[in-house]
Protein backbone atom coordinates (compact mmCIF):
# COMPACT_ATOMS: atom_id res chain seq x y z
CA MET A 1 -10.57 -42.26 -4.84
CA SER A 2 -10.23 -38.50 -4.45
CA THR A 3 -9.14 -36.12 -7.15
CA LEU A 4 -7.13 -32.93 -7.03
CA ASP A 5 -9.16 -29.74 -6.87
CA ILE A 6 -7.66 -26.82 -8.81
CA ASP A 7 -8.63 -24.31 -6.09
CA THR A 8 -6.92 -26.49 -3.49
CA VAL A 9 -3.74 -26.75 -5.58
CA GLN A 10 -3.82 -22.95 -6.07
CA ALA A 11 -4.06 -22.50 -2.30
CA PHE A 12 -1.04 -24.79 -1.86
CA LEU A 13 0.96 -22.74 -4.37
CA LEU A 14 0.13 -19.48 -2.62
CA VAL A 15 1.00 -20.88 0.80
CA ALA A 16 4.30 -22.16 -0.63
CA GLU A 17 5.13 -18.87 -2.35
CA LEU A 18 3.98 -16.53 0.41
CA GLN A 19 5.04 -18.83 3.28
CA SER A 20 1.91 -17.83 5.15
CA PHE A 21 -1.60 -19.16 5.47
CA THR A 22 -2.83 -15.67 6.35
CA ARG A 23 -1.28 -13.97 3.30
CA ALA A 24 -2.45 -16.80 1.04
CA ALA A 25 -5.97 -16.39 2.42
CA GLU A 26 -5.87 -12.65 1.77
CA ALA A 27 -4.72 -13.27 -1.82
CA LEU A 28 -7.56 -15.76 -2.33
CA GLY A 29 -10.19 -13.64 -0.60
CA ALA A 30 -10.75 -16.46 1.89
CA THR A 31 -10.23 -17.07 5.58
CA GLN A 32 -7.08 -18.57 7.03
CA ALA A 33 -9.15 -21.49 8.30
CA ALA A 34 -10.49 -22.18 4.80
CA VAL A 35 -6.97 -22.25 3.35
CA SER A 36 -5.80 -24.52 6.14
CA MET A 37 -8.67 -26.91 5.44
CA LYS A 38 -7.82 -26.93 1.72
CA LEU A 39 -4.22 -27.84 2.52
CA GLN A 40 -5.34 -30.61 4.87
CA ARG A 41 -7.62 -31.96 2.15
CA LEU A 42 -4.79 -31.84 -0.41
CA GLU A 43 -2.43 -33.63 1.98
CA SER A 44 -5.10 -36.28 2.47
CA VAL A 45 -5.51 -36.76 -1.30
CA VAL A 46 -1.77 -37.04 -1.99
CA GLY A 47 -1.16 -39.03 1.18
CA LYS A 48 1.79 -36.92 2.29
CA ARG A 49 2.44 -33.96 4.55
CA LEU A 50 3.25 -31.04 2.25
CA VAL A 51 3.84 -28.19 4.72
CA GLU A 52 5.27 -27.87 8.20
CA ARG A 53 3.16 -25.55 10.29
CA SER A 54 4.37 -23.61 13.28
CA PRO A 55 2.94 -20.54 15.00
CA ARG A 56 5.39 -18.23 13.24
CA ALA A 57 6.32 -19.96 10.00
CA VAL A 58 5.20 -22.23 7.22
CA ALA A 59 7.75 -24.29 5.30
CA LEU A 60 7.47 -26.96 2.66
CA THR A 61 8.37 -30.50 3.63
CA ALA A 62 10.56 -32.52 1.26
CA ASP A 63 7.35 -34.00 -0.16
CA GLY A 64 5.89 -30.50 -0.53
CA ALA A 65 8.97 -29.32 -2.41
CA ALA A 66 8.75 -32.38 -4.68
CA PHE A 67 5.04 -31.73 -5.32
CA LEU A 68 5.54 -28.01 -6.05
CA PRO A 69 6.62 -28.29 -9.73
CA HIS A 70 3.74 -30.69 -10.40
CA ALA A 71 1.30 -28.26 -8.80
CA ARG A 72 2.66 -25.41 -10.92
CA ALA A 73 2.37 -27.51 -14.08
CA LEU A 74 -1.23 -28.41 -13.21
CA ILE A 75 -2.18 -24.76 -12.74
CA GLU A 76 -0.38 -23.70 -15.92
CA ALA A 77 -2.22 -26.39 -17.91
């Protein structure tokens, strides 16, 4: 069983808020590839696709939008 990693949840929140893997990576001081890998790992842990990726945009899926308040609560705790 995998557990949630705080850094991974933080990356998800930044991607959701900034709607960009690149801007989230800049905010975290990481590469875009590293942020993408964190999101893939998080999606694997929760068993759901959280973001829709396209060359020009990033948007939350319905599951991502449902997970967002839980992610915020986890970070705030």
